[in-house]
Amino acid sequence: MGAGIERIDRTEAAARLAEFPALLDMALRAQKAARAPYSNFHVGAAVLTGSGGLHGGCNVESASYGATICAERSAIVGAVSAGESSICAVVVVTPTPEPSSPCGICRQLLAEFGRDVLVFAASSVSDTVFAATLGDLLPLSFGPANLDEAAR
């Protein structure tokens, strides 16, 4: 496991983030709503915003693969659509004993909200959780600062 990425259980995750149980519940409910006819890989996610709001999302697959949206991005879109401007944490749930972390595109979008976003990758079939910050998962992210530097 990489630096800063920890394997914990749901009890420890709840001890680290009081909202974890609510986020996990929301992500599990979203996972059940996922539309994954091609991969059969149902993913749910929930984000915690700076104002304390919780927003869930699921993956929605399309035969035109580029039109597919990941659960994390779906949850972020819900938060932004509700007027939120910051994200503090995300819980992503996958149907694998060892949780799957957010994909690269989702990591990049989460990077827009800062390197300190807490990321919990959880399993819907075991008690296993991986915990990290976004900075741990995407240490050399591209973001607004890079664009600002180029404009100078």
Protein backbone atom coordinates (compact mmCIF):
# COMPACT_ATOMS: atom_id res chain seq x y z
CA MET A 1 0.00 0.00 0.00
CA GLY A 2 1.27 3.47 -0.83
CA ALA A 3 2.36 6.14 1.60
CA GLY A 4 -0.54 7.62 3.53
CA ILE A 5 -3.02 4.95 2.40
CA GLU A 6 -4.31 2.87 5.28
CA ARG A 7 -6.35 -0.33 5.46
CA ILE A 8 -8.91 0.08 8.24
CA ASP A 9 -12.40 -1.18 9.05
CA ARG A 10 -15.75 0.59 9.20
CA THR A 11 -15.50 1.16 12.96
CA GLU A 12 -12.17 2.94 12.58
CA ALA A 13 -13.50 4.97 9.63
CA ALA A 14 -16.41 6.14 11.82
CA ALA A 15 -13.96 7.08 14.57
CA ARG A 16 -12.03 9.24 12.09
CA LEU A 17 -15.05 10.89 10.48
CA ALA A 18 -18.31 11.22 12.41
CA GLU A 19 -20.29 11.43 9.16
CA PHE A 20 -18.82 8.17 7.81
CA PRO A 21 -21.82 5.96 8.77
CA ALA A 22 -24.27 8.33 7.04
CA LEU A 23 -22.02 8.63 3.99
CA LEU A 24 -21.58 4.85 3.85
CA ASP A 25 -25.34 4.31 4.09
CA MET A 26 -25.97 6.83 1.32
CA ALA A 27 -23.28 5.25 -0.89
CA LEU A 28 -24.69 1.75 -0.32
CA ARG A 29 -28.19 2.94 -1.27
CA ALA A 30 -26.80 4.66 -4.36
CA GLN A 31 -24.90 1.50 -5.31
CA LYS A 32 -28.22 -0.36 -5.50
CA ALA A 33 -29.47 2.22 -8.01
CA ALA A 34 -26.41 1.96 -10.28
CA ARG A 35 -26.93 1.24 -13.97
CA ALA A 36 -24.12 -1.08 -15.00
CA PRO A 37 -25.41 -3.40 -17.77
CA TYR A 38 -21.99 -3.74 -19.43
CA SER A 39 -19.51 -4.14 -16.57
CA ASN A 40 -21.96 -5.33 -13.89
CA PHE A 41 -19.72 -3.30 -11.54
CA HIS A 42 -22.18 -1.36 -9.38
CA VAL A 43 -20.61 1.59 -7.59
CA GLY A 44 -22.10 4.04 -5.11
CA ALA A 45 -20.57 7.19 -3.69
CA ALA A 46 -21.41 9.98 -1.30
CA VAL A 47 -19.69 13.29 -0.67
CA LEU A 48 -19.63 15.46 2.43
CA THR A 49 -19.59 19.16 1.62
CA GLY A 50 -18.12 22.02 3.59
CA SER A 51 -21.59 23.04 4.77
CA GLY A 52 -22.27 19.53 6.08
CA GLY A 53 -24.45 18.45 3.17
CA LEU A 54 -24.45 14.85 1.97
CA HIS A 55 -24.90 14.03 -1.71
CA GLY A 56 -24.97 10.55 -3.22
CA GLY A 57 -24.44 9.24 -6.71
CA CYS A 58 -24.07 6.02 -8.65
CA ASN A 59 -22.35 4.95 -11.83
CA VAL A 60 -24.44 5.11 -15.00
CA GLU A 61 -23.06 3.20 -17.97
CA SER A 62 -23.73 3.86 -21.64
CA ALA A 63 -23.09 1.76 -24.72
CA SER A 64 -21.09 4.78 -25.85
CA TYR A 65 -18.48 4.27 -23.12
CA GLY A 66 -17.36 7.91 -23.09
CA ALA A 67 -20.85 8.89 -21.94
CA THR A 68 -20.56 6.73 -18.83
CA ILE A 69 -20.35 8.61 -15.52
CA CYS A 70 -18.70 7.31 -12.37
CA ALA A 71 -20.46 7.33 -9.02
CA GLU A 72 -18.03 9.85 -7.53
CA ARG A 73 -18.55 12.33 -10.34
CA SER A 74 -22.31 11.81 -10.10
CA ALA A 75 -22.21 12.69 -6.38
CA ILE A 76 -20.02 15.74 -7.04
CA VAL A 77 -22.41 16.97 -9.72
CA GLY A 78 -25.27 16.64 -7.23
CA ALA A 79 -23.36 18.65 -4.65
CA VAL A 80 -22.38 21.41 -7.07
CA SER A 81 -25.92 21.52 -8.49
CA ALA A 82 -27.16 22.15 -4.95
CA GLY A 83 -24.88 25.19 -4.71
CA GLU A 84 -22.05 23.60 -2.76
CA SER A 85 -18.53 24.87 -3.40
CA SER A 86 -16.40 22.63 -1.20
CA ILE A 87 -16.04 18.91 -0.57
CA CYS A 88 -14.48 17.56 2.61
CA ALA A 89 -14.81 13.80 2.15
CA VAL A 90 -15.99 11.09 -0.22
CA VAL A 91 -16.99 7.49 0.41
CA VAL A 92 -16.98 5.17 -2.60
CA VAL A 93 -18.42 1.65 -2.33
CA THR A 94 -17.55 -1.20 -4.68
CA PRO A 95 -18.74 -4.83 -4.78
CA THR A 96 -15.27 -6.27 -4.17
CA PRO A 97 -13.78 -7.68 -0.94
CA GLU A 98 -10.83 -5.32 -1.39
CA PRO A 99 -12.31 -1.86 -2.08
CA SER A 100 -11.53 -0.09 -5.33
CA SER A 101 -10.35 3.49 -5.15
CA PRO A 102 -11.65 6.31 -7.35
CA CYS A 103 -10.45 6.22 -10.95
CA GLY A 104 -8.04 8.80 -12.31
CA ILE A 105 -10.74 11.06 -13.76
CA CYS A 106 -12.60 11.09 -10.43
CA ARG A 107 -9.36 11.81 -8.56
CA GLN A 108 -8.68 14.71 -10.91
CA LEU A 109 -12.15 16.16 -10.38
CA LEU A 110 -11.83 15.74 -6.60
CA ALA A 111 -8.51 17.60 -6.83
CA GLU A 112 -10.50 20.72 -7.74
CA PHE A 113 -11.68 20.71 -4.12
CA GLY A 114 -8.22 20.33 -2.56
CA ARG A 115 -5.54 17.85 -1.65
CA ASP A 116 -6.97 17.40 1.86
CA VAL A 117 -10.27 15.79 0.73
CA LEU A 118 -10.64 12.57 2.74
CA VAL A 119 -11.20 9.51 0.58
CA PHE A 120 -12.71 6.32 1.99
CA ALA A 121 -12.90 3.37 -0.40
CA ALA A 122 -15.23 0.79 1.14
CA SER A 123 -16.45 -2.66 0.24
CA SER A 124 -20.11 -3.57 0.12
CA VAL A 125 -19.24 -7.25 0.72
CA SER A 126 -16.69 -6.92 3.54
CA ASP A 127 -15.78 -4.58 6.40
CA THR A 128 -12.61 -3.37 4.66
CA VAL A 129 -12.01 0.33 4.08
CA PHE A 130 -9.02 2.09 2.56
CA ALA A 131 -8.49 5.61 3.93
CA ALA A 132 -6.33 8.33 2.42
CA THR A 133 -6.32 11.97 1.48
CA LEU A 134 -6.65 12.95 -2.13
CA GLY A 135 -3.06 14.19 -1.98
CA ASP A 136 -1.99 10.64 -1.08
CA LEU A 137 -3.88 9.22 -4.07
CA LEU A 138 -2.87 11.91 -6.55
CA PRO A 139 0.40 13.40 -5.32
CA LEU A 140 1.28 15.46 -8.40
CA SER A 141 -2.15 16.63 -9.44
CA PHE A 142 -2.76 19.19 -12.14
CA GLY A 143 -4.96 22.05 -11.05
CA PRO A 144 -5.74 25.75 -11.04
CA ALA A 145 -2.27 26.67 -9.76
CA ASN A 146 -0.72 25.16 -12.89
CA LEU A 147 -2.95 27.30 -15.08
CA ASP A 148 -2.14 30.39 -13.02
CA GLU A 149 1.60 29.75 -13.46
CA ALA A 150 1.23 29.41 -17.20
CA ALA A 151 -0.70 32.68 -17.45
CA ARG A 152 2.16 34.67 -15.91
